[in-house]
Protein backbone atom coordinates (compact mmCIF):
# COMPACT_ATOMS: atom_id res chain seq x y z
CA MET A 1 -5.39 -19.27 -13.73
CA ALA A 2 -4.85 -16.11 -11.71
CA ALA A 3 -5.76 -15.96 -8.04
CA GLU A 4 -7.99 -13.18 -6.80
CA ALA A 5 -6.19 -10.48 -4.87
CA ASP A 6 -7.32 -7.97 -2.29
CA VAL A 7 -7.29 -4.43 -3.65
CA ILE A 8 -7.42 -0.99 -2.13
CA ASP A 9 -10.55 0.88 -3.15
CA LEU A 10 -9.16 4.07 -4.65
CA HIS A 11 -12.66 5.33 -5.34
CA ARG A 12 -12.88 6.29 -1.68
CA ARG A 13 -11.33 9.66 -2.13
CA SER A 14 -9.55 11.50 0.61
CA LYS A 15 -7.73 14.74 1.14
CA ARG A 16 -5.00 15.18 3.67
CA ARG A 17 -4.65 18.17 5.95
CA ARG A 18 -1.73 18.84 8.22
CA THR A 19 -2.29 20.22 11.70
CA GLY A 20 1.08 20.47 13.38
CA ASP A 21 2.56 16.99 13.15
CA THR A 22 -0.82 15.28 12.86
CA LEU A 23 -2.05 14.03 9.51
CA THR A 24 -5.79 13.69 9.16
CA VAL A 25 -7.53 12.15 6.18
CA ALA A 26 -10.81 13.71 5.11
CA THR A 27 -13.16 12.53 2.39
CA ASN A 28 -12.85 14.60 -0.76
CA PRO A 29 -14.30 13.29 -4.05
CA SER A 30 -12.26 15.73 -6.14
CA ALA A 31 -8.83 14.74 -4.79
CA PRO A 32 -6.39 13.33 -7.37
CA ALA A 33 -5.56 9.61 -7.20
CA LEU A 34 -1.94 10.23 -6.13
CA GLU A 35 -3.11 12.41 -3.24
CA ARG A 36 -5.54 9.72 -2.10
CA LEU A 37 -2.82 7.05 -2.36
CA ALA A 38 -0.35 9.23 -0.46
CA ALA A 39 -2.86 9.85 2.33
CA HIS A 40 -3.68 6.14 2.54
CA ALA A 41 0.00 5.12 2.60
CA GLU A 42 0.80 7.78 5.20
CA ALA A 43 -2.03 6.55 7.43
CA LEU A 44 -0.65 3.00 7.21
CA TYR A 45 2.86 4.18 8.05
CA GLN A 46 1.65 6.40 10.90
CA ALA A 47 -0.16 3.40 12.39
CA GLN A 48 3.30 1.84 12.67
CA GLY A 49 4.83 4.96 14.22
CA ARG A 50 6.50 6.10 10.99
CA THR A 51 5.91 8.78 8.39
CA LEU A 52 6.63 9.01 4.67
CA THR A 53 7.75 12.60 5.25
CA ASP A 54 10.90 11.17 6.86
CA PRO A 55 13.51 10.87 4.06
CA ALA A 56 14.78 7.47 5.25
CA THR A 57 11.25 6.06 5.45
CA ALA A 58 10.41 7.49 2.01
CA GLU A 59 13.53 5.84 0.61
CA ALA A 60 12.57 2.50 2.19
CA PHE A 61 9.07 2.90 0.69
CA ARG A 62 10.61 3.36 -2.77
CA ILE A 63 12.90 0.37 -2.25
CA ALA A 64 9.83 -1.74 -1.39
CA ILE A 65 8.16 -0.53 -4.61
CA ALA A 66 11.30 -1.49 -6.56
CA LEU A 67 11.09 -4.96 -5.02
CA ALA A 68 7.41 -5.23 -5.97
CA LEU A 69 8.31 -4.23 -9.55
CA SER A 70 11.01 -6.90 -9.63
CA ILE A 71 8.54 -9.52 -8.41
CA LEU A 72 6.00 -8.41 -11.02
CA ASP A 73 8.62 -8.51 -13.79
CA GLY A 74 9.74 -11.96 -12.64
CA ALA A 75 6.16 -13.20 -12.67
CA HIS A 76 5.81 -11.88 -16.22
CA ALA A 77 9.07 -13.51 -17.30
CA SER A 78 7.93 -16.87 -15.90
CA GLY A 79 4.57 -16.62 -17.63
CA SER A 80 2.52 -16.12 -14.47
CA VAL A 81 1.55 -12.62 -15.64
CA PRO A 82 0.58 -12.69 -19.32
CA ASP A 83 1.48 -10.06 -21.90
CA GLY A 84 -0.98 -7.22 -21.70
CA ALA A 85 -1.56 -7.72 -17.98
CA LEU A 86 1.77 -6.22 -16.90
CA GLU A 87 1.51 -2.59 -18.00
CA ALA A 88 -1.31 -1.37 -15.72
CA PRO A 89 0.01 -2.70 -12.37
CA ARG A 90 3.56 -1.70 -13.34
CA ASN A 91 2.42 1.87 -14.08
CA MET A 92 0.48 2.00 -10.79
CA LEU A 93 3.57 0.96 -8.84
CA LEU A 94 5.76 3.45 -10.69
CA ALA A 95 3.26 6.23 -9.91
CA ALA A 96 3.16 5.13 -6.25
CA CYS A 97 6.86 5.99 -5.97
CA SER A 98 5.79 9.64 -5.95
CA ALA A 99 3.46 9.24 -2.97
CA PRO A 100 5.97 10.56 -0.39
CA ASP A 101 6.45 13.69 -2.52
CA ALA A 102 2.69 14.35 -2.46
CA LEU A 103 2.68 14.76 1.33
């Protein structure tokens, strides 16, 4: 029995605009999913005084994604994540690795 998890609503679309060093997120229904994810991730990192445009922070972001993939694969190997339920979240995490490049 799987537990419910909180999810980020990716249907709220946003477009990022750079003004100097300030990143602002504006609603834009036509923005691609990766752009929306990148803007959301950047806003979270900026709230902590960091930015995904910093190479070291982007690398740490990708390391965290690699850890999440390892956890997901381990859950699949132990039977906690059934066959057929692994591909979609795994692909989402792999795509998220490109978020820093979208900024």
